[in-house]
Amino acid sequence: MKLTLALVLCVAVCRADDLASAAGQIFNSILPNLISNSVTGQQGNTASNTLQQIGTVVGGVVDYAHKKSYEDMLRQVQDSTTDDDLLRISEEMFNADVNNAFNYIQVNLQGKTSPMSKNDEAQSNLLSVPENVWNGPTIRPFTALFDNYHKNVIRPEFVTPNEETEQVTYINTILATGPMRSLMTFLASKGLTQMNEYKEQVDLLKKIWFTKYARHWTGLCKCSCAFENIFMAELKSNDVLGLHSWLFFAKREMDRKANYMGYIDKLDLSGKGLILKQHSILSETKDAPEITMFVGTSPELETALYTLCFMARPDRPCKLRYNNVPFTIQTKTLKSENVLLIDTAYPSF
């Protein structure tokens, strides 16, 4: 009788295509004990243990039924997130950004320019970043990832065990921070209850940010990932792709591989940083006529904001706000082996 009730419960909570598997788990786990009890005549504790096993298996089936696929998660967040939600959660993330570095760096804007200008309106570097900022608790594991990629967009890249460890180290580090805790709490509030589990959080971020994908012009070569394109830079012939991280840009300036030509426009974020549009030359000859990036914000805040907008407003303007200053994040997506991923993302105003 109890076994029948357990199966009825499974029918109520499982999708039809999972029912056979769920029932199979129950029978494989429980039936040997039932036969043993019947043959030996054992009762009491053994029967009680069998009922506990039924509860364990049924509980696992219920959890499985509630767990959403990656595609279902993206769809649910997109469908259930309101514009007011985005304004509220972006304010919360900025307020939680305790590793913000804006007050510890020097930003030397110099002359104003335009995307089409050939004149160098800036004789000095844009950014001066002291050593204590490079050693910040989330900046150090973030920048450790920079040497894992090659700038040539059609050059094959293979992830080594050490590089995978660095990916997980970065994810584990930022998951302990305020902006990422705000993001995960928000996702759980939208019905993604599996985001209450740490492993699920790690798996989601790893999938979104570090899944290798091919673009249509790279053929079968999985030469890119979201982290590389957004937080670093890739070169496609003479075109510069990505370059939306102030930390990566500062590294390039330090290595004399970026020539800052001047700024196009800027938006002050109430003491928490800037959104900067600027014109630069990379590797001496590669023109990047209009780069847009946050300046001074932490890696975890940027990762949280881009993840939020990818999930809630893919391929559309994602309207955010900090301290009554409105701005937008634009994401662009692609599909790799039928999996939706971030092609690029950047702030705008």
Protein backbone atom coordinates (compact mmCIF):
# COMPACT_ATOMS: atom_id res chain seq x y z
CA MET A 1 0.00 0.00 0.00
CA LYS A 2 2.79 2.45 0.95
CA LEU A 3 4.68 1.63 -2.23
CA THR A 4 1.56 2.44 -4.26
CA LEU A 5 1.18 5.79 -2.50
CA ALA A 6 4.81 6.58 -3.23
CA LEU A 7 4.29 5.94 -6.93
CA VAL A 8 1.18 8.12 -6.96
CA LEU A 9 3.21 10.93 -5.39
CA CYS A 10 5.79 10.57 -8.14
CA VAL A 11 3.10 10.88 -10.79
CA ALA A 12 1.97 14.13 -9.20
CA VAL A 13 5.37 15.77 -9.13
CA CYS A 14 7.29 14.38 -12.12
CA ARG A 15 7.13 15.27 -15.77
CA ALA A 16 5.80 12.43 -17.85
CA ASP A 17 9.10 11.78 -19.58
CA ASP A 18 10.81 11.34 -16.20
CA LEU A 19 8.26 8.95 -14.70
CA ALA A 20 9.78 5.71 -15.96
CA SER A 21 13.18 6.70 -14.62
CA ALA A 22 11.75 7.77 -11.26
CA ALA A 23 9.73 4.59 -10.86
CA GLY A 24 12.75 2.55 -11.84
CA GLN A 25 14.78 4.18 -9.09
CA ILE A 26 12.15 3.28 -6.52
CA PHE A 27 11.83 -0.35 -7.59
CA ASN A 28 15.59 -0.87 -7.89
CA SER A 29 16.13 0.58 -4.43
CA ILE A 30 13.17 -0.89 -2.57
CA LEU A 31 12.17 -4.19 -4.16
CA PRO A 32 15.17 -6.26 -2.95
CA ASN A 33 14.40 -5.32 0.65
CA LEU A 34 10.72 -6.14 0.25
CA ILE A 35 11.56 -9.59 -1.14
CA SER A 36 14.09 -10.18 1.63
CA ASN A 37 11.56 -9.24 4.31
CA SER A 38 8.95 -11.53 2.80
CA VAL A 39 11.29 -14.54 2.61
CA THR A 40 12.86 -14.18 6.05
CA GLY A 41 9.77 -12.91 7.82
CA GLN A 42 11.75 -9.96 9.22
CA GLN A 43 9.69 -7.05 10.43
CA GLY A 44 10.23 -3.98 12.63
CA ASN A 45 13.44 -2.11 11.96
CA THR A 46 14.00 -3.64 8.52
CA ALA A 47 10.53 -2.63 7.37
CA SER A 48 11.10 0.80 8.85
CA ASN A 49 14.38 1.12 6.96
CA THR A 50 12.60 0.15 3.75
CA LEU A 51 10.03 2.90 4.28
CA GLN A 52 12.85 5.37 4.93
CA GLN A 53 14.40 4.33 1.62
CA ILE A 54 11.07 4.96 -0.09
CA GLY A 55 11.01 8.46 1.39
CA THR A 56 14.60 9.13 0.31
CA VAL A 57 13.98 8.06 -3.28
CA VAL A 58 10.68 9.92 -3.53
CA GLY A 59 12.31 13.05 -2.07
CA GLY A 60 15.04 12.82 -4.67
CA VAL A 61 12.47 12.50 -7.43
CA VAL A 62 10.61 15.56 -6.13
CA ASP A 63 13.87 17.56 -6.12
CA TYR A 64 14.65 16.40 -9.64
CA ALA A 65 11.20 17.43 -10.84
CA HIS A 66 11.66 20.92 -9.38
CA LYS A 67 15.13 21.40 -10.84
CA LYS A 68 14.99 23.47 -13.99
CA SER A 69 17.08 22.97 -17.08
CA TYR A 70 19.45 25.73 -18.17
CA GLU A 71 17.04 26.75 -20.93
CA ASP A 72 14.08 26.79 -18.52
CA MET A 73 16.04 28.95 -16.07
CA LEU A 74 16.83 31.54 -18.72
CA ARG A 75 13.23 31.58 -19.90
CA GLN A 76 11.79 31.92 -16.39
CA VAL A 77 14.08 34.80 -15.39
CA GLN A 78 13.37 36.60 -18.64
CA ASP A 79 9.60 36.16 -18.29
CA SER A 80 9.32 37.02 -14.59
CA THR A 81 11.76 39.95 -14.22
CA THR A 82 10.15 43.38 -14.34
CA ASP A 83 11.83 46.69 -15.15
CA ASP A 84 11.39 47.70 -11.50
CA ASP A 85 13.13 44.49 -10.44
CA LEU A 86 16.16 45.46 -12.52
CA LEU A 87 16.33 48.96 -11.04
CA ARG A 88 16.07 47.61 -7.51
CA ILE A 89 18.59 44.78 -7.84
CA SER A 90 21.17 46.93 -9.63
CA GLU A 91 21.02 49.48 -6.79
CA GLU A 92 21.44 46.64 -4.31
CA MET A 93 24.44 45.22 -6.18
CA PHE A 94 26.22 48.60 -6.31
CA ASN A 95 25.61 49.19 -2.61
CA ALA A 96 27.10 45.75 -1.87
CA ASP A 97 30.25 46.42 -3.92
CA VAL A 98 32.73 46.72 -1.04
CA ASN A 99 35.69 45.86 -3.30
CA ASN A 100 35.08 48.90 -5.48
CA ALA A 101 38.46 50.41 -6.43
CA PHE A 102 37.44 53.77 -7.87
CA ASN A 103 38.76 55.84 -4.96
CA TYR A 104 42.15 54.09 -5.14
CA ILE A 105 42.98 54.59 -8.83
CA GLN A 106 43.77 57.67 -10.91
CA VAL A 107 41.73 58.31 -14.08
CA ASN A 108 43.42 60.77 -16.44
CA LEU A 109 40.80 61.58 -19.09
CA GLN A 110 42.77 64.32 -20.91
CA GLY A 111 41.39 65.49 -24.27
CA LYS A 112 38.08 64.69 -25.86
CA THR A 113 37.99 62.84 -29.19
CA SER A 114 35.65 61.00 -31.56
CA PRO A 115 35.55 57.49 -33.06
CA MET A 116 36.67 58.80 -36.46
CA SER A 117 39.50 61.03 -35.25
CA LYS A 118 43.10 60.12 -36.07
CA ASN A 119 44.52 62.64 -33.62
CA ASP A 120 46.00 61.57 -30.29
CA GLU A 121 44.33 63.79 -27.70
CA ALA A 122 45.98 62.07 -24.72
CA GLN A 123 49.72 62.08 -24.12
CA SER A 124 49.54 59.98 -20.94
CA ASN A 125 47.94 56.72 -19.91
CA LEU A 126 44.27 56.72 -19.01
CA LEU A 127 44.70 54.70 -15.82
CA SER A 128 47.14 54.52 -12.94
CA VAL A 129 46.49 51.51 -10.72
CA PRO A 130 48.56 51.03 -7.53
CA GLU A 131 49.87 47.64 -6.45
CA ASN A 132 47.43 47.26 -3.56
CA VAL A 133 44.55 47.36 -6.05
CA TRP A 134 46.09 44.60 -8.18
CA ASN A 135 46.33 42.52 -5.00
CA GLY A 136 42.65 43.01 -4.16
CA PRO A 137 40.79 39.86 -3.03
CA THR A 138 38.76 39.51 -6.23
CA ILE A 139 40.97 41.42 -8.67
CA ARG A 140 43.92 39.07 -8.22
CA PRO A 141 42.06 35.85 -9.22
CA PHE A 142 40.31 37.81 -11.97
CA THR A 143 43.53 39.01 -13.59
CA ALA A 144 45.12 35.55 -13.15
CA LEU A 145 42.82 34.43 -15.98
CA PHE A 146 44.24 36.89 -18.49
CA ASP A 147 47.12 34.68 -19.64
CA ASN A 148 44.80 31.75 -20.39
CA TYR A 149 43.70 33.15 -23.74
CA HIS A 150 45.17 34.23 -27.06
CA LYS A 151 44.04 37.47 -28.70
CA ASN A 152 43.71 35.91 -32.18
CA VAL A 153 40.03 35.00 -32.52
CA ILE A 154 40.70 32.06 -34.84
CA ARG A 155 43.51 30.47 -32.85
CA PRO A 156 42.42 27.23 -31.09
CA GLU A 157 42.62 27.28 -27.30
CA PHE A 158 42.62 24.30 -24.98
CA VAL A 159 41.77 24.55 -21.30
CA THR A 160 44.45 22.99 -19.10
CA PRO A 161 43.72 21.56 -15.62
CA ASN A 162 45.50 24.55 -14.09
CA GLU A 163 43.39 26.99 -16.10
CA GLU A 164 40.20 25.21 -15.06
CA THR A 165 41.32 25.51 -11.44
CA GLU A 166 41.80 29.25 -11.96
CA GLN A 167 38.28 29.53 -13.37
CA VAL A 168 36.78 27.78 -10.35
CA THR A 169 38.92 29.84 -7.96
CA TYR A 170 37.58 33.04 -9.49
CA ILE A 171 33.98 31.79 -9.31
CA ASN A 172 34.35 30.63 -5.70
CA THR A 173 35.90 33.96 -4.75
CA ILE A 174 33.19 36.15 -6.24
CA LEU A 175 30.36 33.95 -4.95
CA ALA A 176 31.35 35.05 -1.45
CA THR A 177 30.80 38.74 -2.30
CA GLY A 178 27.78 40.99 -1.89
CA PRO A 179 26.92 41.60 -5.56
CA MET A 180 26.94 37.90 -6.39
CA ARG A 181 24.97 36.98 -3.25
CA SER A 182 22.38 39.56 -4.33
CA LEU A 183 22.23 37.98 -7.79
CA MET A 184 21.77 34.43 -6.50
CA THR A 185 19.12 35.49 -3.99
CA PHE A 186 17.30 37.31 -6.78
CA LEU A 187 17.40 34.26 -9.07
CA ALA A 188 16.06 32.03 -6.31
CA SER A 189 13.24 34.53 -5.70
CA LYS A 190 12.24 34.13 -9.34
CA GLY A 191 11.60 30.42 -8.86
CA LEU A 192 15.10 29.11 -9.54
CA THR A 193 15.19 27.27 -6.21
CA GLN A 194 18.24 25.27 -7.26
CA MET A 195 20.21 28.50 -6.98
CA ASN A 196 20.02 27.96 -3.22
CA GLU A 197 22.59 25.19 -3.78
CA TYR A 198 26.21 26.28 -4.03
CA LYS A 199 27.19 23.71 -6.66
CA GLU A 200 24.36 24.90 -8.91
CA GLN A 201 25.61 28.48 -8.60
CA VAL A 202 29.14 27.44 -9.60
CA ASP A 203 27.86 25.37 -12.52
CA LEU A 204 25.70 28.22 -13.82
CA LEU A 205 28.52 30.78 -13.78
CA LYS A 206 30.99 28.35 -15.29
CA LYS A 207 28.57 27.54 -18.12
CA ILE A 208 27.76 31.17 -18.91
CA TRP A 209 31.27 32.59 -18.65
CA PHE A 210 33.69 29.84 -19.61
CA THR A 211 31.93 27.60 -22.15
CA LYS A 212 34.03 27.63 -25.31
CA TYR A 213 32.12 28.44 -28.49
CA ALA A 214 32.66 28.92 -32.20
CA ARG A 215 31.50 31.95 -34.14
CA HIS A 216 30.22 31.68 -37.70
CA TRP A 217 33.51 32.96 -39.15
CA THR A 218 35.68 30.58 -37.06
CA GLY A 219 34.16 27.41 -38.48
CA LEU A 220 34.45 24.52 -36.05
CA CYS A 221 37.10 26.23 -33.94
CA LYS A 222 35.78 26.88 -30.42
CA CYS A 223 38.15 29.77 -29.96
CA SER A 224 36.18 32.13 -27.70
CA CYS A 225 34.18 32.37 -24.50
CA ALA A 226 32.21 35.15 -22.81
CA PHE A 227 34.96 35.94 -20.30
CA GLU A 228 37.57 36.37 -23.00
CA ASN A 229 35.46 38.58 -25.23
CA ILE A 230 34.00 40.84 -22.56
CA PHE A 231 36.74 41.15 -19.99
CA MET A 232 39.68 40.93 -22.37
CA ALA A 233 39.99 41.58 -26.11
CA GLU A 234 40.10 39.53 -29.29
CA LEU A 235 41.43 40.47 -32.69
CA LYS A 236 39.61 39.61 -35.90
CA SER A 237 41.87 40.81 -38.69
CA ASN A 238 42.07 44.55 -37.93
CA ASP A 239 38.94 44.64 -35.76
CA VAL A 240 39.09 44.71 -31.96
CA LEU A 241 36.36 42.67 -30.27
CA GLY A 242 35.39 43.13 -26.63
CA LEU A 243 37.78 45.17 -24.46
CA HIS A 244 35.18 46.14 -21.86
CA SER A 245 37.30 45.72 -18.70
CA TRP A 246 39.19 48.66 -17.22
CA LEU A 247 41.52 46.22 -15.46
CA PHE A 248 42.53 44.51 -18.68
CA PHE A 249 42.97 47.88 -20.38
CA ALA A 250 45.19 49.09 -17.52
CA LYS A 251 47.33 45.97 -17.90
CA ARG A 252 47.71 46.65 -21.62
CA GLU A 253 48.72 50.24 -20.91
CA MET A 254 51.32 49.06 -18.39
CA ASP A 255 52.73 46.69 -21.03
CA ARG A 256 52.75 49.49 -23.64
CA LYS A 257 50.29 47.55 -25.79
CA ALA A 258 47.47 50.11 -25.63
CA ASN A 259 47.57 53.75 -26.70
CA TYR A 260 44.74 55.77 -25.19
CA MET A 261 43.69 58.45 -27.72
CA GLY A 262 41.14 60.35 -25.60
CA TYR A 263 37.62 60.00 -24.27
CA ILE A 264 34.39 60.31 -26.23
CA ASP A 265 31.91 60.60 -23.37
CA LYS A 266 31.52 59.61 -19.74
CA LEU A 267 28.88 58.98 -17.10
CA ASP A 268 29.69 59.46 -13.41
CA LEU A 269 28.27 56.78 -11.13
CA SER A 270 28.02 58.79 -7.91
CA GLY A 271 31.47 58.00 -6.57
CA LYS A 272 31.28 54.29 -7.45
CA GLY A 273 33.02 54.65 -10.81
CA LEU A 274 32.47 55.75 -14.39
CA ILE A 275 31.07 54.43 -17.58
CA LEU A 276 33.59 55.58 -20.15
CA LYS A 277 33.48 55.70 -23.95
CA GLN A 278 36.98 56.04 -25.31
CA HIS A 279 39.14 55.64 -28.40
CA SER A 280 42.33 53.57 -28.29
CA ILE A 281 44.87 51.78 -30.45
CA LEU A 282 45.87 48.23 -29.46
CA SER A 283 49.09 46.47 -30.39
CA GLU A 284 50.23 49.66 -32.19
CA THR A 285 47.97 49.20 -35.25
CA LYS A 286 44.59 47.81 -34.16
CA ASP A 287 42.09 50.66 -33.98
CA ALA A 288 39.38 50.41 -31.31
CA PRO A 289 37.38 53.54 -32.21
CA GLU A 290 34.68 53.31 -29.54
CA ILE A 291 35.26 51.20 -26.44
CA THR A 292 32.75 51.31 -23.60
CA MET A 293 33.66 50.08 -20.12
CA PHE A 294 33.03 50.50 -16.43
CA VAL A 295 35.95 52.10 -14.60
CA GLY A 296 36.73 51.43 -10.94
CA THR A 297 34.04 48.83 -10.37
CA SER A 298 34.90 45.38 -9.00
CA PRO A 299 35.03 42.25 -11.17
CA GLU A 300 32.23 40.67 -9.14
CA LEU A 301 29.90 43.63 -9.68
CA GLU A 302 30.48 43.61 -13.43
CA THR A 303 30.09 39.82 -13.62
CA ALA A 304 26.85 40.01 -11.61
CA LEU A 305 25.38 42.83 -13.72
CA TYR A 306 26.25 41.17 -17.04
CA THR A 307 24.90 37.80 -15.85
CA LEU A 308 21.68 39.43 -14.68
CA CYS A 309 21.11 41.22 -17.98
CA PHE A 310 22.00 38.17 -20.07
CA MET A 311 19.38 36.15 -18.19
CA ALA A 312 16.70 38.85 -17.87
CA ARG A 313 17.06 40.93 -21.06
CA PRO A 314 19.10 39.00 -23.65
CA ASP A 315 19.77 40.97 -26.84
CA ARG A 316 17.80 43.93 -25.49
CA PRO A 317 18.66 47.08 -23.52
CA CYS A 318 18.77 46.18 -19.83
CA LYS A 319 17.86 49.35 -17.95
CA LEU A 320 19.63 49.72 -14.60
CA ARG A 321 20.28 52.46 -12.07
CA TYR A 322 22.58 53.49 -9.26
CA ASN A 323 21.80 56.41 -6.93
CA ASN A 324 19.26 57.77 -9.43
CA VAL A 325 21.78 57.62 -12.30
CA PRO A 326 20.26 55.53 -15.10
CA PHE A 327 22.35 53.47 -17.49
CA THR A 328 21.94 50.44 -19.71
CA ILE A 329 23.72 47.17 -20.32
CA GLN A 330 23.47 45.71 -23.80
CA THR A 331 24.04 42.00 -24.25
CA LYS A 332 24.40 40.07 -27.48
CA THR A 333 23.97 36.32 -27.51
CA LEU A 334 24.81 33.38 -29.71
CA LYS A 335 23.96 29.69 -29.75
CA SER A 336 26.67 27.06 -29.59
CA GLU A 337 25.44 23.49 -30.03
CA ASN A 338 21.96 24.85 -29.29
CA VAL A 339 23.06 26.40 -25.96
CA LEU A 340 22.46 30.14 -25.51
CA LEU A 341 25.59 31.99 -24.35
CA ILE A 342 26.91 35.55 -24.10
CA ASP A 343 28.71 36.78 -27.18
CA THR A 344 29.40 40.18 -25.66
CA ALA A 345 28.07 42.64 -23.09
CA TYR A 346 28.88 46.24 -22.26
CA PRO A 347 27.45 49.30 -20.48
CA SER A 348 25.97 52.25 -22.32
CA PHE A 349 24.21 55.54 -21.55
